[in-house]
PDB file of N, CA and C in Angstrom:
ATOM      1  N   MET A   1     107.859  59.975 168.513  1.00  0.00           N
ATOM      2  CA  MET A   1     107.908  60.995 167.487  1.00  0.00           C
ATOM      3  C   MET A   1     108.382  62.308 168.111  1.00  0.00           C
ATOM      4  N   GLN A   2     109.376  62.904 167.502  1.00  0.00           N
ATOM      5  CA  GLN A   2     109.888  64.161 168.028  1.00  0.00           C
ATOM      6  C   GLN A   2     109.071  65.335 167.510  1.00  0.00           C
ATOM      7  N   LYS A   3     109.115  66.426 168.248  1.00  0.00           N
ATOM      8  CA  LYS A   3     108.390  67.625 167.833  1.00  0.00           C
ATOM      9  C   LYS A   3     109.051  68.221 166.599  1.00  0.00           C
ATOM     10  N   MET A   4     108.227  68.775 165.720  1.00  0.00           N
ATOM     11  CA  MET A   4     108.729  69.421 164.511  1.00  0.00           C
ATOM     12  C   MET A   4     108.825  70.919 164.741  1.00  0.00           C
ATOM     13  N   THR A   5     109.834  71.531 164.163  1.00  0.00           N
ATOM     14  CA  THR A   5     109.937  72.986 164.211  1.00  0.00           C
ATOM     15  C   THR A   5     109.010  73.570 163.153  1.00  0.00           C
ATOM     16  N   ALA A   6     108.750  74.863 163.262  1.00  0.00           N
ATOM     17  CA  ALA A   6     107.890  75.527 162.273  1.00  0.00           C
ATOM     18  C   ALA A   6     108.484  75.385 160.871  1.00  0.00           C
ATOM     19  N   LYS A   7     109.791  75.494 160.777  1.00  0.00           N
ATOM     20  CA  LYS A   7     110.457  75.375 159.479  1.00  0.00           C
ATOM     21  C   LYS A   7     110.240  73.979 158.885  1.00  0.00           C
ATOM     22  N   GLN A   8     110.315  72.935 159.725  1.00  0.00           N
ATOM     23  CA  GLN A   8     110.087  71.562 159.266  1.00  0.00           C
ATOM     24  C   GLN A   8     108.641  71.360 158.832  1.00  0.00           C
ATOM     25  N   ILE A   9     107.713  71.954 159.559  1.00  0.00           N
ATOM     26  CA  ILE A   9     106.293  71.835 159.213  1.00  0.00           C
ATOM     27  C   ILE A   9     106.022  72.493 157.868  1.00  0.00           C
ATOM     28  N   LEU A  10     106.559  73.697 157.662  1.00  0.00           N
ATOM     29  CA  LEU A  10     106.362  74.393 156.391  1.00  0.00           C
ATOM     30  C   LEU A  10     106.971  73.603 155.233  1.00  0.00           C
ATOM     31  N   LYS A  11     108.132  72.996 155.453  1.00  0.00           N
ATOM     32  CA  LYS A  11     108.761  72.190 154.403  1.00  0.00           C
ATOM     33  C   LYS A  11     107.881  70.986 154.072  1.00  0.00           C
ATOM     34  N   ALA A  12     107.329  70.333 155.110  1.00  0.00           N
ATOM     35  CA  ALA A  12     106.449  69.179 154.883  1.00  0.00           C
ATOM     36  C   ALA A  12     105.189  69.609 154.133  1.00  0.00           C
ATOM     37  N   MET A  13     104.655  70.788 154.459  1.00  0.00           N
ATOM     38  CA  MET A  13     103.453  71.282 153.774  1.00  0.00           C
ATOM     39  C   MET A  13     103.739  71.577 152.303  1.00  0.00           C
ATOM     40  N   GLU A  14     104.932  72.098 152.013  1.00  0.00           N
ATOM     41  CA  GLU A  14     105.296  72.381 150.625  1.00  0.00           C
ATOM     42  C   GLU A  14     105.363  71.105 149.797  1.00  0.00           C
ATOM     43  N   GLU A  15     105.691  69.992 150.441  1.00  0.00           N
ATOM     44  CA  GLU A  15     105.803  68.713 149.745  1.00  0.00           C
ATOM     45  C   GLU A  15     104.446  68.031 149.545  1.00  0.00           C
ATOM     46  N   MET A  16     103.412  68.511 150.259  1.00  0.00           N
ATOM     47  CA  MET A  16     102.070  67.923 150.131  1.00  0.00           C
ATOM     48  C   MET A  16     101.413  68.390 148.837  1.00  0.00           C
ATOM     49  N   ASP A  17     100.478  67.563 148.340  1.00  0.00           N
ATOM     50  CA  ASP A  17      99.683  68.055 147.220  1.00  0.00           C
ATOM     51  C   ASP A  17      98.573  68.944 147.792  1.00  0.00           C
ATOM     52  N   ASN A  18      97.892  69.662 146.935  1.00  0.00           N
ATOM     53  CA  ASN A  18      96.897  70.645 147.391  1.00  0.00           C
ATOM     54  C   ASN A  18      95.793  70.020 148.230  1.00  0.00           C
ATOM     55  N   GLY A  19      95.348  68.817 147.857  1.00  0.00           N
ATOM     56  CA  GLY A  19      94.279  68.165 148.611  1.00  0.00           C
ATOM     57  C   GLY A  19      94.686  67.872 150.041  1.00  0.00           C
ATOM     58  N   GLU A  20      95.898  67.348 150.225  1.00  0.00           N
ATOM     59  CA  GLU A  20      96.397  67.061 151.570  1.00  0.00           C
ATOM     60  C   GLU A  20      96.545  68.344 152.369  1.00  0.00           C
ATOM     61  N   ARG A  21      97.052  69.380 151.727  1.00  0.00           N
ATOM     62  CA  ARG A  21      97.271  70.662 152.398  1.00  0.00           C
ATOM     63  C   ARG A  21      95.939  71.262 152.852  1.00  0.00           C
ATOM     64  N   ILE A  22      94.928  71.189 152.019  1.00  0.00           N
ATOM     65  CA  ILE A  22      93.611  71.730 152.381  1.00  0.00           C
ATOM     66  C   ILE A  22      93.020  70.966 153.558  1.00  0.00           C
ATOM     67  N   LYS A  23      93.140  69.636 153.545  1.00  0.00           N
ATOM     68  CA  LYS A  23      92.636  68.835 154.668  1.00  0.00           C
ATOM     69  C   LYS A  23      93.342  69.224 155.965  1.00  0.00           C
ATOM     70  N   LEU A  24      94.671  69.348 155.905  1.00  0.00           N
ATOM     71  CA  LEU A  24      95.435  69.710 157.091  1.00  0.00           C
ATOM     72  C   LEU A  24      95.014  71.079 157.624  1.00  0.00           C
ATOM     73  N   LEU A  25      94.934  72.057 156.746  1.00  0.00           N
ATOM     74  CA  LEU A  25      94.564  73.405 157.181  1.00  0.00           C
ATOM     75  C   LEU A  25      93.138  73.460 157.728  1.00  0.00           C
ATOM     76  N   SER A  26      92.234  72.670 157.160  1.00  0.00           N
ATOM     77  CA  SER A  26      90.855  72.618 157.667  1.00  0.00           C
ATOM     78  C   SER A  26      90.816  72.047 159.075  1.00  0.00           C
ATOM     79  N   VAL A  27      91.563  70.966 159.304  1.00  0.00           N
ATOM     80  CA  VAL A  27      91.601  70.352 160.633  1.00  0.00           C
ATOM     81  C   VAL A  27      92.209  71.314 161.648  1.00  0.00           C
ATOM     82  N   LEU A  28      93.306  71.975 161.268  1.00  0.00           N
ATOM     83  CA  LEU A  28      93.942  72.929 162.177  1.00  0.00           C
ATOM     84  C   LEU A  28      93.013  74.097 162.504  1.00  0.00           C
ATOM     85  N   ALA A  29      92.327  74.620 161.500  1.00  0.00           N
ATOM     86  CA  ALA A  29      91.408  75.742 161.728  1.00  0.00           C
ATOM     87  C   ALA A  29      90.288  75.339 162.668  1.00  0.00           C
ATOM     88  N   GLU A  30      89.723  74.148 162.454  1.00  0.00           N
ATOM     89  CA  GLU A  30      88.626  73.694 163.315  1.00  0.00           C
ATOM     90  C   GLU A  30      89.114  73.459 164.736  1.00  0.00           C
ATOM     91  N   LYS A  31      90.277  72.829 164.875  1.00  0.00           N
ATOM     92  CA  LYS A  31      90.793  72.490 166.201  1.00  0.00           C
ATOM     93  C   LYS A  31      91.198  73.729 166.991  1.00  0.00           C
ATOM     94  N   HIS A  32      91.891  74.652 166.350  1.00  0.00           N
ATOM     95  CA  HIS A  32      92.463  75.780 167.084  1.00  0.00           C
ATOM     96  C   HIS A  32      91.603  77.035 167.082  1.00  0.00           C
ATOM     97  N   PHE A  33      90.716  77.174 166.112  1.00  0.00           N
ATOM     98  CA  PHE A  33      89.916  78.387 166.039  1.00  0.00           C
ATOM     99  C   PHE A  33      88.421  78.109 166.116  1.00  0.00           C
ATOM    100  N   GLY A  34      88.027  76.824 166.168  1.00  0.00           N
ATOM    101  CA  GLY A  34      86.628  76.465 166.263  1.00  0.00           C
ATOM    102  C   GLY A  34      85.846  76.764 165.000  1.00  0.00           C
ATOM    103  N   LYS A  35      86.540  76.897 163.885  1.00  0.00           N
ATOM    104  CA  LYS A  35      85.876  77.241 162.628  1.00  0.00           C
ATOM    105  C   LYS A  35      85.791  76.012 161.744  1.00  0.00           C
ATOM    106  N   LYS A  36      84.571  75.613 161.458  1.00  0.00           N
ATOM    107  CA  LYS A  36      84.360  74.495 160.555  1.00  0.00           C
ATOM    108  C   LYS A  36      84.300  75.014 159.125  1.00  0.00           C
ATOM    109  N   PRO A  37      84.697  74.186 158.166  1.00  0.00           N
ATOM    110  CA  PRO A  37      84.592  74.626 156.768  1.00  0.00           C
ATOM    111  C   PRO A  37      83.136  74.900 156.402  1.00  0.00           C
ATOM    112  N   PRO A  38      82.886  75.876 155.545  1.00  0.00           N
ATOM    113  CA  PRO A  38      81.501  76.195 155.183  1.00  0.00           C
ATOM    114  C   PRO A  38      80.858  75.073 154.361  1.00  0.00           C
ATOM    115  N   THR A  39      79.559  74.939 154.511  1.00  0.00           N
ATOM    116  CA  THR A  39      78.829  73.951 153.718  1.00  0.00           C
ATOM    117  C   THR A  39      78.618  74.502 152.312  1.00  0.00           C
ATOM    118  N   ILE A  40      78.181  73.649 151.416  1.00  0.00           N
ATOM    119  CA  ILE A  40      77.911  74.070 150.043  1.00  0.00           C
ATOM    120  C   ILE A  40      76.817  75.140 150.030  1.00  0.00           C
ATOM    121  N   GLU A  41      75.817  74.991 150.893  1.00  0.00           N
ATOM    122  CA  GLU A  41      74.733  75.967 150.962  1.00  0.00           C
ATOM    123  C   GLU A  41      75.243  77.327 151.437  1.00  0.00           C
ATOM    124  N   GLU A  42      76.144  77.307 152.435  1.00  0.00           N
ATOM    125  CA  GLU A  42      76.703  78.565 152.927  1.00  0.00           C
ATOM    126  C   GLU A  42      77.535  79.257 151.849  1.00  0.00           C
ATOM    127  N   ILE A  43      78.305  78.486 151.113  1.00  0.00           N
ATOM    128  CA  ILE A  43      79.104  79.047 150.024  1.00  0.00           C
ATOM    129  C   ILE A  43      78.194  79.653 148.956  1.00  0.00           C
ATOM    130  N   ALA A  44      77.124  78.937 148.610  1.00  0.00           N
ATOM    131  CA  ALA A  44      76.187  79.444 147.606  1.00  0.00           C
ATOM    132  C   ALA A  44      75.554  80.749 148.070  1.00  0.00           C
ATOM    133  N   LYS A  45      75.171  80.826 149.350  1.00  0.00           N
ATOM    134  CA  LYS A  45      74.569  82.052 149.876  1.00  0.00           C
ATOM    135  C   LYS A  45      75.567  83.196 149.844  1.00  0.00           C
ATOM    136  N   LEU A  46      76.805  82.937 150.257  1.00  0.00           N
ATOM    137  CA  LEU A  46      77.830  83.981 150.238  1.00  0.00           C
ATOM    138  C   LEU A  46      78.088  84.472 148.816  1.00  0.00           C
ATOM    139  N   ASN A  47      78.109  83.564 147.861  1.00  0.00           N
ATOM    140  CA  ASN A  47      78.296  83.952 146.468  1.00  0.00           C
ATOM    141  C   ASN A  47      77.132  84.813 145.978  1.00  0.00           C
ATOM    142  N   TYR A  48      75.919  84.419 146.338  1.00  0.00           N
ATOM    143  CA  TYR A  48      74.734  85.180 145.938  1.00  0.00           C
ATOM    144  C   TYR A  48      74.784  86.598 146.511  1.00  0.00           C
ATOM    145  N   VAL A  49      75.093  86.691 147.804  1.00  0.00           N
ATOM    146  CA  VAL A  49      75.147  88.002 148.458  1.00  0.00           C
ATOM    147  C   VAL A  49      76.253  88.848 147.828  1.00  0.00           C
ATOM    148  N   ALA A  50      77.375  88.240 147.489  1.00  0.00           N
ATOM    149  CA  ALA A  50      78.467  88.992 146.867  1.00  0.00           C
ATOM    150  C   ALA A  50      78.062  89.526 145.491  1.00  0.00           C
ATOM    151  N   MET A  51      77.275  88.755 144.764  1.00  0.00           N
ATOM    152  CA  MET A  51      76.880  89.165 143.418  1.00  0.00           C
ATOM    153  C   MET A  51      75.697  90.135 143.415  1.00  0.00           C
ATOM    154  N   TYR A  52      74.687  89.873 144.254  1.00  0.00           N
ATOM    155  CA  TYR A  52      73.424  90.606 144.159  1.00  0.00           C
ATOM    156  C   TYR A  52      73.091  91.430 145.406  1.00  0.00           C
ATOM    157  N   GLY A  53      73.897  91.368 146.425  1.00  0.00           N
ATOM    158  CA  GLY A  53      73.611  92.096 147.659  1.00  0.00           C
ATOM    159  C   GLY A  53      72.716  91.280 148.573  1.00  0.00           C
ATOM    160  N   ASP A  54      72.452  91.835 149.735  1.00  0.00           N
ATOM    161  CA  ASP A  54      71.687  91.106 150.761  1.00  0.00           C
ATOM    162  C   ASP A  54      70.213  91.467 150.734  1.00  0.00           C
ATOM    163  N   GLU A  55      69.757  92.179 149.732  1.00  0.00           N
ATOM    164  CA  GLU A  55      68.349  92.568 149.657  1.00  0.00           C
ATOM    165  C   GLU A  55      67.486  91.385 149.255  1.00  0.00           C
ATOM    166  N   LYS A  56      66.282  91.361 149.798  1.00  0.00           N
ATOM    167  CA  LYS A  56      65.376  90.246 149.467  1.00  0.00           C
ATOM    168  C   LYS A  56      64.173  90.742 148.750  1.00  0.00           C
TER     169      LYS A  56
END
């Protein structure tokens, strides 16, 4: 398999459906930046804090 240029990668991503694109970006983010996708609980907490603030 030959290496793809950035332009080829972007073209391939444009041809993907949203689900495939999200999976790819999640894997790349985890591999290169050490960031795992947030859990449902983390998303719920972030939404709560955004709506009501961080006061308890």
